[in-house]
């Protein structure tokens, strides 16, 4: 029973880290777009 609890906690920790990392990437992109003085047409 303890192994199941430890495994669940480990999965939750990994999932939380992945979510935080992805949110950080999105925020970085948003900041770059917001701080660019003029959007460059591609």
C-alpha atoms as a PDB file:
ATOM      1  CA  UNK A   1       0.000   0.000   0.000  1.00  0.00           C
ATOM      2  CA  UNK A   2       2.860   2.386   0.750  1.00  0.00           C
ATOM      3  CA  UNK A   3       4.353   1.790  -2.693  1.00  0.00           C
ATOM      4  CA  UNK A   4       1.118   2.912  -4.341  1.00  0.00           C
ATOM      5  CA  UNK A   5       1.125   6.133  -2.306  1.00  0.00           C
ATOM      6  CA  UNK A   6       4.775   6.846  -3.112  1.00  0.00           C
ATOM      7  CA  UNK A   7       4.195   6.151  -6.799  1.00  0.00           C
ATOM      8  CA  UNK A   8       1.197   8.488  -6.855  1.00  0.00           C
ATOM      9  CA  UNK A   9       3.157  11.260  -5.153  1.00  0.00           C
ATOM     10  CA  UNK A  10       6.018  10.813  -7.627  1.00  0.00           C
ATOM     11  CA  UNK A  11       3.638  11.038 -10.592  1.00  0.00           C
ATOM     12  CA  UNK A  12       1.996  14.153  -9.166  1.00  0.00           C
ATOM     13  CA  UNK A  13       5.397  15.794  -8.624  1.00  0.00           C
ATOM     14  CA  UNK A  14       6.496  15.051 -12.205  1.00  0.00           C
ATOM     15  CA  UNK A  15       3.161  16.258 -13.600  1.00  0.00           C
ATOM     16  CA  UNK A  16       3.365  19.497 -11.586  1.00  0.00           C
ATOM     17  CA  UNK A  17       6.913  20.154 -12.808  1.00  0.00           C
ATOM     18  CA  UNK A  18       5.929  19.563 -16.445  1.00  0.00           C
ATOM     19  CA  UNK A  19       2.942  21.904 -16.118  1.00  0.00           C
ATOM     20  CA  UNK A  20       5.107  24.610 -14.516  1.00  0.00           C
ATOM     21  CA  UNK A  21       7.764  24.217 -17.239  1.00  0.00           C
ATOM     22  CA  UNK A  22       5.208  24.481 -20.046  1.00  0.00           C
ATOM     23  CA  UNK A  23       3.539  27.487 -18.419  1.00  0.00           C
ATOM     24  CA  UNK A  24       6.976  29.137 -18.131  1.00  0.00           C
ATOM     25  CA  UNK A  25       7.586  28.612 -21.843  1.00  0.00           C
ATOM     26  CA  UNK A  26       4.220  30.155 -22.730  1.00  0.00           C
ATOM     27  CA  UNK A  27       4.875  33.148 -20.478  1.00  0.00           C
ATOM     28  CA  UNK A  28       8.288  33.669 -22.101  1.00  0.00           C
ATOM     29  CA  UNK A  29       6.720  33.725 -25.566  1.00  0.00           C
ATOM     30  CA  UNK A  30       3.979  36.119 -24.424  1.00  0.00           C
ATOM     31  CA  UNK A  31       6.561  38.450 -22.870  1.00  0.00           C
ATOM     32  CA  UNK A  32       8.651  38.455 -26.071  1.00  0.00           C
ATOM     33  CA  UNK A  33       5.592  39.297 -28.170  1.00  0.00           C
ATOM     34  CA  UNK A  34       4.417  41.979 -25.736  1.00  0.00           C
ATOM     35  CA  UNK A  35       7.831  43.659 -25.514  1.00  0.00           C
ATOM     36  CA  UNK A  36       8.551  43.671 -29.263  1.00  0.00           C
ATOM     37  CA  UNK A  37       8.022  47.296 -30.416  1.00  0.00           C
ATOM     38  CA  UNK A  38       6.697  46.342 -33.860  1.00  0.00           C
ATOM     39  CA  UNK A  39       5.598  42.857 -34.929  1.00  0.00           C
ATOM     40  CA  UNK A  40       7.700  41.618 -37.814  1.00  0.00           C
ATOM     41  CA  UNK A  41       5.606  40.401 -40.792  1.00  0.00           C
ATOM     42  CA  UNK A  42       6.736  36.997 -42.006  1.00  0.00           C
END
